[in-house]
Protein backbone atom coordinates (compact mmCIF):
# COMPACT_ATOMS: atom_id res chain seq x y z
CA UNK A 1 -0.34 -0.10 -0.21
CA UNK A 2 1.54 3.47 -1.00
CA UNK A 3 1.23 5.92 2.40
CA UNK A 4 0.58 9.48 0.95
CA UNK A 5 0.00 11.41 4.21
CA UNK A 6 1.86 11.99 7.12
CA UNK A 7 -0.33 11.96 10.48
CA UNK A 8 0.89 13.53 13.95
CA UNK A 9 -1.16 13.24 17.06
CA UNK A 10 -1.30 16.76 19.79
CA UNK A 11 -3.17 16.55 22.06
CA UNK A 12 -6.88 15.12 21.56
CA UNK A 13 -6.51 16.55 17.80
CA UNK A 14 -4.79 14.06 15.07
CA UNK A 15 -3.58 15.98 12.04
CA UNK A 16 -3.09 14.52 8.07
CA UNK A 17 -1.21 16.11 5.43
CA UNK A 18 -2.29 14.71 2.46
CA UNK A 19 -0.82 14.01 -1.16
CA UNK A 20 -1.99 15.10 -3.89
CA UNK A 21 -4.69 12.38 -4.85
CA UNK A 22 -6.57 10.23 -2.11
CA UNK A 23 -7.48 7.06 -3.88
CA UNK A 24 -7.43 2.88 -3.93
CA UNK A 25 -3.57 2.78 -4.20
CA UNK A 26 -3.54 4.87 -0.89
CA UNK A 27 -6.39 5.03 1.17
CA UNK A 28 -6.75 1.96 2.43
CA UNK A 29 -3.33 2.84 4.28
CA UNK A 30 -4.72 6.05 6.04
CA UNK A 31 -7.49 3.80 6.89
CA UNK A 32 -4.84 1.50 8.35
CA UNK A 33 -3.19 4.60 10.27
CA UNK A 34 -6.60 6.10 11.39
CA UNK A 35 -7.62 2.67 12.67
CA UNK A 36 -4.73 2.74 14.36
CA UNK A 37 -6.43 5.94 16.45
CA UNK A 38 -9.77 4.04 17.05
CA UNK A 39 -10.53 4.34 21.06
CA UNK A 40 -7.63 7.44 22.17
CA UNK A 41 -9.79 9.84 22.45
CA UNK A 42 -9.65 11.64 19.41
CA UNK A 43 -11.69 14.69 19.42
CA UNK A 44 -10.90 16.57 16.34
CA UNK A 45 -9.12 15.73 13.15
CA UNK A 46 -7.60 18.29 10.78
CA UNK A 47 -7.29 17.02 7.23
CA UNK A 48 -4.71 19.54 6.12
CA UNK A 49 -5.47 19.25 1.96
CA UNK A 50 -2.80 21.79 0.72
CA UNK A 51 -1.76 19.57 -2.11
CA UNK A 52 -4.21 17.28 -2.42
CA UNK A 53 -6.07 17.67 -6.01
CA UNK A 54 -7.62 14.60 -6.89
CA UNK A 55 -10.36 12.31 -4.28
CA UNK A 56 -11.54 9.38 -5.01
CA UNK A 57 -14.61 7.18 -3.55
CA UNK A 58 -12.44 5.39 -1.57
CA UNK A 59 -10.89 7.88 -0.12
CA UNK A 60 -14.87 9.63 0.33
CA UNK A 61 -14.70 6.33 2.70
CA UNK A 62 -11.88 6.69 4.76
CA UNK A 63 -13.31 10.46 5.97
CA UNK A 64 -16.71 8.97 7.09
CA UNK A 65 -14.68 5.93 8.85
CA UNK A 66 -12.57 9.00 10.82
CA UNK A 67 -15.87 10.35 11.19
CA UNK A 68 -18.02 7.63 12.56
CA UNK A 69 -15.07 5.39 13.37
CA UNK A 70 -12.56 6.66 15.71
CA UNK A 71 -14.92 7.16 18.73
CA UNK A 72 -16.10 10.33 20.18
CA UNK A 73 -17.49 11.86 17.05
CA UNK A 74 -14.72 13.83 16.34
CA UNK A 75 -15.28 16.95 14.45
CA UNK A 76 -13.71 17.28 10.88
CA UNK A 77 -12.27 19.87 9.70
CA UNK A 78 -10.05 20.62 6.06
CA UNK A 79 -7.63 23.46 5.95
CA UNK A 80 -6.89 24.53 1.90
CA UNK A 81 -9.47 22.05 -0.05
CA UNK A 82 -9.59 23.04 -3.20
CA UNK A 83 -13.04 23.79 -5.26
CA UNK A 84 -13.24 21.12 -6.89
CA UNK A 85 -12.78 18.13 -3.91
CA UNK A 86 -14.81 20.60 -1.71
CA UNK A 87 -17.47 20.18 -4.71
CA UNK A 88 -17.53 16.17 -4.16
CA UNK A 89 -18.28 16.53 -0.36
CA UNK A 90 -20.49 18.78 -1.37
CA UNK A 91 -22.23 15.91 -4.05
CA UNK A 92 -22.66 13.88 -1.19
CA UNK A 93 -23.77 15.50 1.41
CA UNK A 94 -20.72 15.30 3.83
CA UNK A 95 -20.36 18.74 3.71
CA UNK A 96 -22.65 19.56 6.68
CA UNK A 97 -20.67 17.07 9.25
CA UNK A 98 -17.29 19.13 7.10
CA UNK A 99 -15.76 22.34 8.39
CA UNK A 100 -13.82 24.34 5.41
CA UNK A 101 -10.89 26.48 7.01
CA UNK A 102 -8.21 28.31 4.11
CA UNK A 103 -5.28 29.52 5.61
């Protein structure tokens, strides 16, 4: 599995810096990484999408997993998300669960 992300836990926040794409090639590795944080008291997951140019359906499933399976109903933030990718989240109805931040 290809790993194109970096995860850093800071207190109860899990920061994930994403690469250019979140696809079937690397989404399973991110899912596995997120699984390791299950039940660890995470209150917020912050995805830095500054470099991201594409997200596949498997990437969207991974974001849903972060919201539903980590425990404690963490908030989800996307930093510097491209308009195209934000549009994908809006088409799927996930924008209601994600806070978009421009930095």
